[in-house]
């Protein structure tokens, strides 16, 4: 499915998926992946623990992957069942 798309179409799907993330999660994800901030720098800037930063990035990656590859995000409660 994703192999049939051009690079531009794939990047657009990623952009849309990232834009749909909750604001704080999106900002943390972009600081880490685009701006190359360390977990410690992000934690200090947001006043949260490094563990929370890791969790936010993991959730962002999960949400983006679900949306890009499957065209949707599963509701949080469906992840456990």
PDB file of N, CA and C in Angstrom:
ATOM      1  N   UNK A   1       0.823  -1.184   0.000  1.00  0.00           N
ATOM      2  CA  UNK A   1       0.000   0.000   0.000  1.00  0.00           C
ATOM      3  C   UNK A   1       0.871   1.253   0.000  1.00  0.00           C
ATOM      4  N   UNK A   2       1.789   1.377   0.947  1.00  0.00           N
ATOM      5  CA  UNK A   2       2.638   2.553   1.027  1.00  0.00           C
ATOM      6  C   UNK A   2       3.678   2.560  -0.083  1.00  0.00           C
ATOM      7  N   UNK A   3       4.036   1.382  -0.587  1.00  0.00           N
ATOM      8  CA  UNK A   3       5.015   1.297  -1.671  1.00  0.00           C
ATOM      9  C   UNK A   3       4.482   1.887  -2.963  1.00  0.00           C
ATOM     10  N   UNK A   4       3.179   1.950  -3.114  1.00  0.00           N
ATOM     11  CA  UNK A   4       2.571   2.487  -4.330  1.00  0.00           C
ATOM     12  C   UNK A   4       2.584   4.013  -4.375  1.00  0.00           C
ATOM     13  N   UNK A   5       2.942   4.645  -3.272  1.00  0.00           N
ATOM     14  CA  UNK A   5       2.912   6.103  -3.193  1.00  0.00           C
ATOM     15  C   UNK A   5       4.264   6.708  -3.554  1.00  0.00           C
ATOM     16  N   UNK A   6       4.230   7.917  -4.063  1.00  0.00           N
ATOM     17  CA  UNK A   6       5.475   8.636  -4.335  1.00  0.00           C
ATOM     18  C   UNK A   6       6.059   9.138  -3.013  1.00  0.00           C
ATOM     19  N   UNK A   7       7.305   9.563  -3.054  1.00  0.00           N
ATOM     20  CA  UNK A   7       7.943  10.100  -1.852  1.00  0.00           C
ATOM     21  C   UNK A   7       7.177  11.304  -1.313  1.00  0.00           C
ATOM     22  N   UNK A   8       6.689  12.135  -2.210  1.00  0.00           N
ATOM     23  CA  UNK A   8       5.940  13.322  -1.789  1.00  0.00           C
ATOM     24  C   UNK A   8       4.640  12.939  -1.084  1.00  0.00           C
ATOM     25  N   UNK A   9       3.959  11.928  -1.607  1.00  0.00           N
ATOM     26  CA  UNK A   9       2.707  11.481  -0.985  1.00  0.00           C
ATOM     27  C   UNK A   9       2.968  10.870   0.387  1.00  0.00           C
ATOM     28  N   UNK A  10       4.049  10.116   0.500  1.00  0.00           N
ATOM     29  CA  UNK A  10       4.403   9.537   1.804  1.00  0.00           C
ATOM     30  C   UNK A  10       4.719  10.624   2.820  1.00  0.00           C
ATOM     31  N   UNK A  11       5.503  11.611   2.397  1.00  0.00           N
ATOM     32  CA  UNK A  11       5.848  12.701   3.307  1.00  0.00           C
ATOM     33  C   UNK A  11       4.608  13.496   3.705  1.00  0.00           C
ATOM     34  N   UNK A  12       3.686  13.668   2.795  1.00  0.00           N
ATOM     35  CA  UNK A  12       2.447  14.377   3.117  1.00  0.00           C
ATOM     36  C   UNK A  12       1.641  13.604   4.160  1.00  0.00           C
ATOM     37  N   UNK A  13       1.602  12.296   4.034  1.00  0.00           N
ATOM     38  CA  UNK A  13       0.900  11.476   5.039  1.00  0.00           C
ATOM     39  C   UNK A  13       1.540  11.636   6.412  1.00  0.00           C
ATOM     40  N   UNK A  14       2.866  11.656   6.443  1.00  0.00           N
ATOM     41  CA  UNK A  14       3.572  11.837   7.716  1.00  0.00           C
ATOM     42  C   UNK A  14       3.269  13.220   8.282  1.00  0.00           C
ATOM     43  N   UNK A  15       3.322  14.248   7.445  1.00  0.00           N
ATOM     44  CA  UNK A  15       3.025  15.613   7.912  1.00  0.00           C
ATOM     45  C   UNK A  15       1.620  15.710   8.501  1.00  0.00           C
ATOM     46  N   UNK A  16       0.658  15.133   7.819  1.00  0.00           N
ATOM     47  CA  UNK A  16      -0.728  15.169   8.299  1.00  0.00           C
ATOM     48  C   UNK A  16      -0.840  14.430   9.631  1.00  0.00           C
ATOM     49  N   UNK A  17      -0.210  13.267   9.726  1.00  0.00           N
ATOM     50  CA  UNK A  17      -0.265  12.483  10.964  1.00  0.00           C
ATOM     51  C   UNK A  17       0.376  13.245  12.119  1.00  0.00           C
ATOM     52  N   UNK A  18       1.496  13.887  11.883  1.00  0.00           N
ATOM     53  CA  UNK A  18       2.162  14.666  12.933  1.00  0.00           C
ATOM     54  C   UNK A  18       1.292  15.856  13.325  1.00  0.00           C
ATOM     55  N   UNK A  19       0.681  16.510  12.363  1.00  0.00           N
ATOM     56  CA  UNK A  19      -0.197  17.653  12.665  1.00  0.00           C
ATOM     57  C   UNK A  19      -1.391  17.257  13.518  1.00  0.00           C
ATOM     58  N   UNK A  20      -1.817  16.025  13.446  1.00  0.00           N
ATOM     59  CA  UNK A  20      -2.982  15.562  14.211  1.00  0.00           C
ATOM     60  C   UNK A  20      -2.641  15.156  15.644  1.00  0.00           C
ATOM     61  N   UNK A  21      -1.367  15.099  15.971  1.00  0.00           N
ATOM     62  CA  UNK A  21      -0.980  14.755  17.338  1.00  0.00           C
ATOM     63  C   UNK A  21      -1.421  15.862  18.292  1.00  0.00           C
ATOM     64  N   UNK A  22      -1.676  15.503  19.555  1.00  0.00           N
ATOM     65  CA  UNK A  22      -1.941  16.551  20.549  1.00  0.00           C
ATOM     66  C   UNK A  22      -0.756  17.528  20.589  1.00  0.00           C
ATOM     67  N   UNK A  23      -1.017  18.778  20.887  1.00  0.00           N
ATOM     68  CA  UNK A  23      -0.016  19.846  20.769  1.00  0.00           C
ATOM     69  C   UNK A  23       1.287  19.538  21.509  1.00  0.00           C
ATOM     70  N   UNK A  24       1.202  19.176  22.778  1.00  0.00           N
ATOM     71  CA  UNK A  24       2.429  18.929  23.542  1.00  0.00           C
ATOM     72  C   UNK A  24       3.206  17.759  22.976  1.00  0.00           C
ATOM     73  N   UNK A  25       2.511  16.682  22.629  1.00  0.00           N
ATOM     74  CA  UNK A  25       3.166  15.506  22.063  1.00  0.00           C
ATOM     75  C   UNK A  25       3.834  15.855  20.735  1.00  0.00           C
ATOM     76  N   UNK A  26       3.139  16.618  19.909  1.00  0.00           N
ATOM     77  CA  UNK A  26       3.692  17.038  18.620  1.00  0.00           C
ATOM     78  C   UNK A  26       4.953  17.872  18.826  1.00  0.00           C
ATOM     79  N   UNK A  27       4.890  18.833  19.742  1.00  0.00           N
ATOM     80  CA  UNK A  27       6.046  19.694  19.987  1.00  0.00           C
ATOM     81  C   UNK A  27       7.237  18.914  20.516  1.00  0.00           C
ATOM     82  N   UNK A  28       7.000  18.005  21.438  1.00  0.00           N
ATOM     83  CA  UNK A  28       8.081  17.176  21.973  1.00  0.00           C
ATOM     84  C   UNK A  28       8.678  16.315  20.870  1.00  0.00           C
ATOM     85  N   UNK A  29       7.826  15.715  20.067  1.00  0.00           N
ATOM     86  CA  UNK A  29       8.286  14.877  18.960  1.00  0.00           C
ATOM     87  C   UNK A  29       9.140  15.683  17.982  1.00  0.00           C
ATOM     88  N   UNK A  30       8.674  16.869  17.605  1.00  0.00           N
ATOM     89  CA  UNK A  30       9.412  17.694  16.648  1.00  0.00           C
ATOM     90  C   UNK A  30      10.733  18.199  17.224  1.00  0.00           C
ATOM     91  N   UNK A  31      10.735  18.561  18.501  1.00  0.00           N
ATOM     92  CA  UNK A  31      11.992  18.986  19.116  1.00  0.00           C
ATOM     93  C   UNK A  31      13.020  17.866  19.087  1.00  0.00           C
ATOM     94  N   UNK A  32      12.575  16.653  19.336  1.00  0.00           N
ATOM     95  CA  UNK A  32      13.484  15.511  19.356  1.00  0.00           C
ATOM     96  C   UNK A  32      13.928  15.117  17.952  1.00  0.00           C
ATOM     97  N   UNK A  33      12.988  14.942  17.047  1.00  0.00           N
ATOM     98  CA  UNK A  33      13.281  14.378  15.725  1.00  0.00           C
ATOM     99  C   UNK A  33      13.733  15.391  14.690  1.00  0.00           C
ATOM    100  N   UNK A  34      13.273  16.629  14.798  1.00  0.00           N
ATOM    101  CA  UNK A  34      13.622  17.633  13.788  1.00  0.00           C
ATOM    102  C   UNK A  34      14.716  18.571  14.300  1.00  0.00           C
ATOM    103  N   UNK A  35      14.545  19.051  15.531  1.00  0.00           N
ATOM    104  CA  UNK A  35      15.504  20.005  16.093  1.00  0.00           C
ATOM    105  C   UNK A  35      16.677  19.330  16.805  1.00  0.00           C
ATOM    106  N   UNK A  36      16.616  18.012  16.949  1.00  0.00           N
ATOM    107  CA  UNK A  36      17.691  17.222  17.576  1.00  0.00           C
ATOM    108  C   UNK A  36      17.996  17.615  19.021  1.00  0.00           C
ATOM    109  N   UNK A  37      16.950  17.972  19.764  1.00  0.00           N
ATOM    110  CA  UNK A  37      17.128  18.229  21.184  1.00  0.00           C
ATOM    111  C   UNK A  37      17.266  16.893  21.897  1.00  0.00           C
ATOM    112  N   UNK A  38      18.019  16.877  22.970  1.00  0.00           N
ATOM    113  CA  UNK A  38      18.141  15.660  23.775  1.00  0.00           C
ATOM    114  C   UNK A  38      16.899  15.514  24.652  1.00  0.00           C
ATOM    115  N   UNK A  39      16.691  14.304  25.161  1.00  0.00           N
ATOM    116  CA  UNK A  39      15.570  14.071  26.073  1.00  0.00           C
ATOM    117  C   UNK A  39      15.683  14.991  27.289  1.00  0.00           C
ATOM    118  N   UNK A  40      16.904  15.155  27.768  1.00  0.00           N
ATOM    119  CA  UNK A  40      17.132  15.989  28.945  1.00  0.00           C
ATOM    120  C   UNK A  40      16.770  17.452  28.673  1.00  0.00           C
ATOM    121  N   UNK A  41      17.134  17.960  27.494  1.00  0.00           N
ATOM    122  CA  UNK A  41      16.803  19.342  27.142  1.00  0.00           C
ATOM    123  C   UNK A  41      15.291  19.542  27.057  1.00  0.00           C
ATOM    124  N   UNK A  42      14.611  18.584  26.468  1.00  0.00           N
ATOM    125  CA  UNK A  42      13.153  18.675  26.338  1.00  0.00           C
ATOM    126  C   UNK A  42      12.503  18.607  27.715  1.00  0.00           C
ATOM    127  N   UNK A  43      12.981  17.679  28.547  1.00  0.00           N
ATOM    128  CA  UNK A  43      12.429  17.537  29.898  1.00  0.00           C
ATOM    129  C   UNK A  43      12.578  18.833  30.682  1.00  0.00           C
ATOM    130  N   UNK A  44      13.731  19.449  30.581  1.00  0.00           N
ATOM    131  CA  UNK A  44      13.968  20.705  31.295  1.00  0.00           C
ATOM    132  C   UNK A  44      13.071  21.824  30.754  1.00  0.00           C
ATOM    133  N   UNK A  45      12.932  21.905  29.446  1.00  0.00           N
ATOM    134  CA  UNK A  45      12.111  22.953  28.836  1.00  0.00           C
ATOM    135  C   UNK A  45      10.639  22.825  29.220  1.00  0.00           C
ATOM    136  N   UNK A  46      10.149  21.600  29.354  1.00  0.00           N
ATOM    137  CA  UNK A  46       8.738  21.368  29.669  1.00  0.00           C
ATOM    138  C   UNK A  46       8.477  21.130  31.154  1.00  0.00           C
ATOM    139  N   UNK A  47       9.536  21.003  31.932  1.00  0.00           N
ATOM    140  CA  UNK A  47       9.361  20.759  33.356  1.00  0.00           C
ATOM    141  C   UNK A  47       8.787  19.384  33.651  1.00  0.00           C
ATOM    142  N   UNK A  48       9.193  18.392  32.847  1.00  0.00           N
ATOM    143  CA  UNK A  48       8.729  17.016  33.023  1.00  0.00           C
ATOM    144  C   UNK A  48       9.942  16.101  33.132  1.00  0.00           C
ATOM    145  N   UNK A  49       9.696  14.854  33.481  1.00  0.00           N
ATOM    146  CA  UNK A  49      10.801  13.906  33.617  1.00  0.00           C
ATOM    147  C   UNK A  49      11.259  13.404  32.251  1.00  0.00           C
ATOM    148  N   UNK A  50      12.477  12.887  32.224  1.00  0.00           N
ATOM    149  CA  UNK A  50      13.013  12.297  30.996  1.00  0.00           C
ATOM    150  C   UNK A  50      12.159  11.096  30.592  1.00  0.00           C
ATOM    151  N   UNK A  51      11.675  10.348  31.563  1.00  0.00           N
ATOM    152  CA  UNK A  51      10.799   9.211  31.275  1.00  0.00           C
ATOM    153  C   UNK A  51       9.519   9.632  30.578  1.00  0.00           C
ATOM    154  N   UNK A  52       8.956  10.752  30.994  1.00  0.00           N
ATOM    155  CA  UNK A  52       7.735  11.273  30.358  1.00  0.00           C
ATOM    156  C   UNK A  52       8.037  11.683  28.918  1.00  0.00           C
ATOM    157  N   UNK A  53       9.206  12.268  28.685  1.00  0.00           N
ATOM    158  CA  UNK A  53       9.605  12.639  27.318  1.00  0.00           C
ATOM    159  C   UNK A  53       9.673  11.383  26.456  1.00  0.00           C
ATOM    160  N   UNK A  54      10.309  10.347  26.975  1.00  0.00           N
ATOM    161  CA  UNK A  54      10.413   9.085  26.228  1.00  0.00           C
ATOM    162  C   UNK A  54       9.029   8.526  25.893  1.00  0.00           C
ATOM    163  N   UNK A  55       8.129   8.562  26.867  1.00  0.00           N
ATOM    164  CA  UNK A  55       6.773   8.049  26.638  1.00  0.00           C
ATOM    165  C   UNK A  55       6.038   8.864  25.582  1.00  0.00           C
ATOM    166  N   UNK A  56       6.175  10.181  25.630  1.00  0.00           N
ATOM    167  CA  UNK A  56       5.505  11.035  24.644  1.00  0.00           C
ATOM    168  C   UNK A  56       6.025  10.758  23.237  1.00  0.00           C
ATOM    169  N   UNK A  57       7.327  10.571  23.104  1.00  0.00           N
ATOM    170  CA  UNK A  57       7.908  10.284  21.789  1.00  0.00           C
ATOM    171  C   UNK A  57       7.458   8.910  21.308  1.00  0.00           C
ATOM    172  N   UNK A  58       7.447   7.933  22.202  1.00  0.00           N
ATOM    173  CA  UNK A  58       6.987   6.590  21.822  1.00  0.00           C
ATOM    174  C   UNK A  58       5.528   6.626  21.375  1.00  0.00           C
ATOM    175  N   UNK A  59       4.696   7.354  22.097  1.00  0.00           N
ATOM    176  CA  UNK A  59       3.281   7.457  21.715  1.00  0.00           C
ATOM    177  C   UNK A  59       3.116   8.202  20.395  1.00  0.00           C
ATOM    178  N   UNK A  60       3.920   9.234  20.193  1.00  0.00           N
ATOM    179  CA  UNK A  60       3.861   9.968  18.926  1.00  0.00           C
ATOM    180  C   UNK A  60       4.244   9.055  17.770  1.00  0.00           C
ATOM    181  N   UNK A  61       5.315   8.289  17.935  1.00  0.00           N
ATOM    182  CA  UNK A  61       5.731   7.355  16.884  1.00  0.00           C
ATOM    183  C   UNK A  61       4.648   6.325  16.605  1.00  0.00           C
ATOM    184  N   UNK A  62       4.034   5.820  17.648  1.00  0.00           N
ATOM    185  CA  UNK A  62       2.966   4.841  17.484  1.00  0.00           C
ATOM    186  C   UNK A  62       1.787   5.448  16.722  1.00  0.00           C
ATOM    187  N   UNK A  63       1.357   6.626  17.149  1.00  0.00           N
ATOM    188  CA  UNK A  63       0.207   7.277  16.511  1.00  0.00           C
ATOM    189  C   UNK A  63       0.483   7.604  15.047  1.00  0.00           C
ATOM    190  N   UNK A  64       1.668   8.130  14.772  1.00  0.00           N
ATOM    191  CA  UNK A  64       2.019   8.476  13.389  1.00  0.00           C
ATOM    192  C   UNK A  64       2.094   7.215  12.540  1.00  0.00           C
ATOM    193  N   UNK A  65       2.714   6.176  13.062  1.00  0.00           N
ATOM    194  CA  UNK A  65       2.825   4.914  12.318  1.00  0.00           C
ATOM    195  C   UNK A  65       1.451   4.343  12.010  1.00  0.00           C
ATOM    196  N   UNK A  66       0.562   4.326  12.986  1.00  0.00           N
ATOM    197  CA  UNK A  66      -0.791   3.814  12.771  1.00  0.00           C
ATOM    198  C   UNK A  66      -1.499   4.588  11.669  1.00  0.00           C
ATOM    199  N   UNK A  67      -1.380   5.899  11.729  1.00  0.00           N
ATOM    200  CA  UNK A  67      -2.096   6.717  10.753  1.00  0.00           C
ATOM    201  C   UNK A  67      -1.486   6.606   9.358  1.00  0.00           C
ATOM    202  N   UNK A  68      -0.174   6.577   9.266  1.00  0.00           N
ATOM    203  CA  UNK A  68       0.482   6.517   7.956  1.00  0.00           C
ATOM    204  C   UNK A  68       0.260   5.166   7.295  1.00  0.00           C
ATOM    205  N   UNK A  69       0.431   4.092   8.051  1.00  0.00           N
ATOM    206  CA  UNK A  69       0.351   2.762   7.455  1.00  0.00           C
ATOM    207  C   UNK A  69      -1.063   2.204   7.389  1.00  0.00           C
ATOM    208  N   UNK A  70      -1.924   2.628   8.299  1.00  0.00           N
ATOM    209  CA  UNK A  70      -3.266   2.056   8.350  1.00  0.00           C
ATOM    210  C   UNK A  70      -4.363   3.079   8.084  1.00  0.00           C
ATOM    211  N   UNK A  71      -3.978   4.331   7.914  1.00  0.00           N
ATOM    212  CA  UNK A  71      -4.945   5.365   7.594  1.00  0.00           C
ATOM    213  C   UNK A  71      -5.822   5.798   8.747  1.00  0.00           C
ATOM    214  N   UNK A  72      -5.471   5.393   9.958  1.00  0.00           N
ATOM    215  CA  UNK A  72      -6.278   5.780  11.107  1.00  0.00           C
ATOM    216  C   UNK A  72      -5.470   5.578  12.373  1.00  0.00           C
ATOM    217  N   UNK A  73      -5.963   6.184  13.432  1.00  0.00           N
ATOM    218  CA  UNK A  73      -5.406   5.937  14.752  1.00  0.00           C
ATOM    219  C   UNK A  73      -6.426   5.156  15.540  1.00  0.00           C
ATOM    220  N   UNK A  74      -5.968   4.137  16.220  1.00  0.00           N
ATOM    221  CA  UNK A  74      -6.877   3.360  17.056  1.00  0.00           C
ATOM    222  C   UNK A  74      -7.167   4.144  18.321  1.00  0.00           C
ATOM    223  N   UNK A  75      -8.392   4.088  18.805  1.00  0.00           N
ATOM    224  CA  UNK A  75      -8.695   4.745  20.079  1.00  0.00           C
ATOM    225  C   UNK A  75      -7.803   4.165  21.175  1.00  0.00           C
ATOM    226  N   UNK A  76      -7.446   4.963  22.144  1.00  0.00           N
ATOM    227  CA  UNK A  76      -6.520   4.519  23.182  1.00  0.00           C
ATOM    228  C   UNK A  76      -6.997   3.248  23.871  1.00  0.00           C
ATOM    229  N   UNK A  77      -8.303   3.127  24.078  1.00  0.00           N
ATOM    230  CA  UNK A  77      -8.817   1.968  24.802  1.00  0.00           C
ATOM    231  C   UNK A  77      -8.761   0.702  23.963  1.00  0.00           C
ATOM    232  N   UNK A  78      -8.675   0.821  22.636  1.00  0.00           N
ATOM    233  CA  UNK A  78      -8.595  -0.366  21.776  1.00  0.00           C
ATOM    234  C   UNK A  78      -7.190  -0.959  21.763  1.00  0.00           C
ATOM    235  N   UNK A  79      -6.208  -0.205  22.193  1.00  0.00           N
ATOM    236  CA  UNK A  79      -4.834  -0.703  22.207  1.00  0.00           C
ATOM    237  C   UNK A  79      -4.652  -1.848  23.192  1.00  0.00           C
ATOM    238  N   UNK A  80      -5.531  -1.927  24.170  1.00  0.00           N
ATOM    239  CA  UNK A  80      -5.370  -2.925  25.224  1.00  0.00           C
ATOM    240  C   UNK A  80      -6.214  -4.164  24.993  1.00  0.00           C
ATOM    241  N   UNK A  81      -7.097  -4.140  23.996  1.00  0.00           N
ATOM    242  CA  UNK A  81      -7.988  -5.281  23.776  1.00  0.00           C
ATOM    243  C   UNK A  81      -7.786  -5.875  22.410  1.00  0.00           C
TER     244      UNK A  81
END
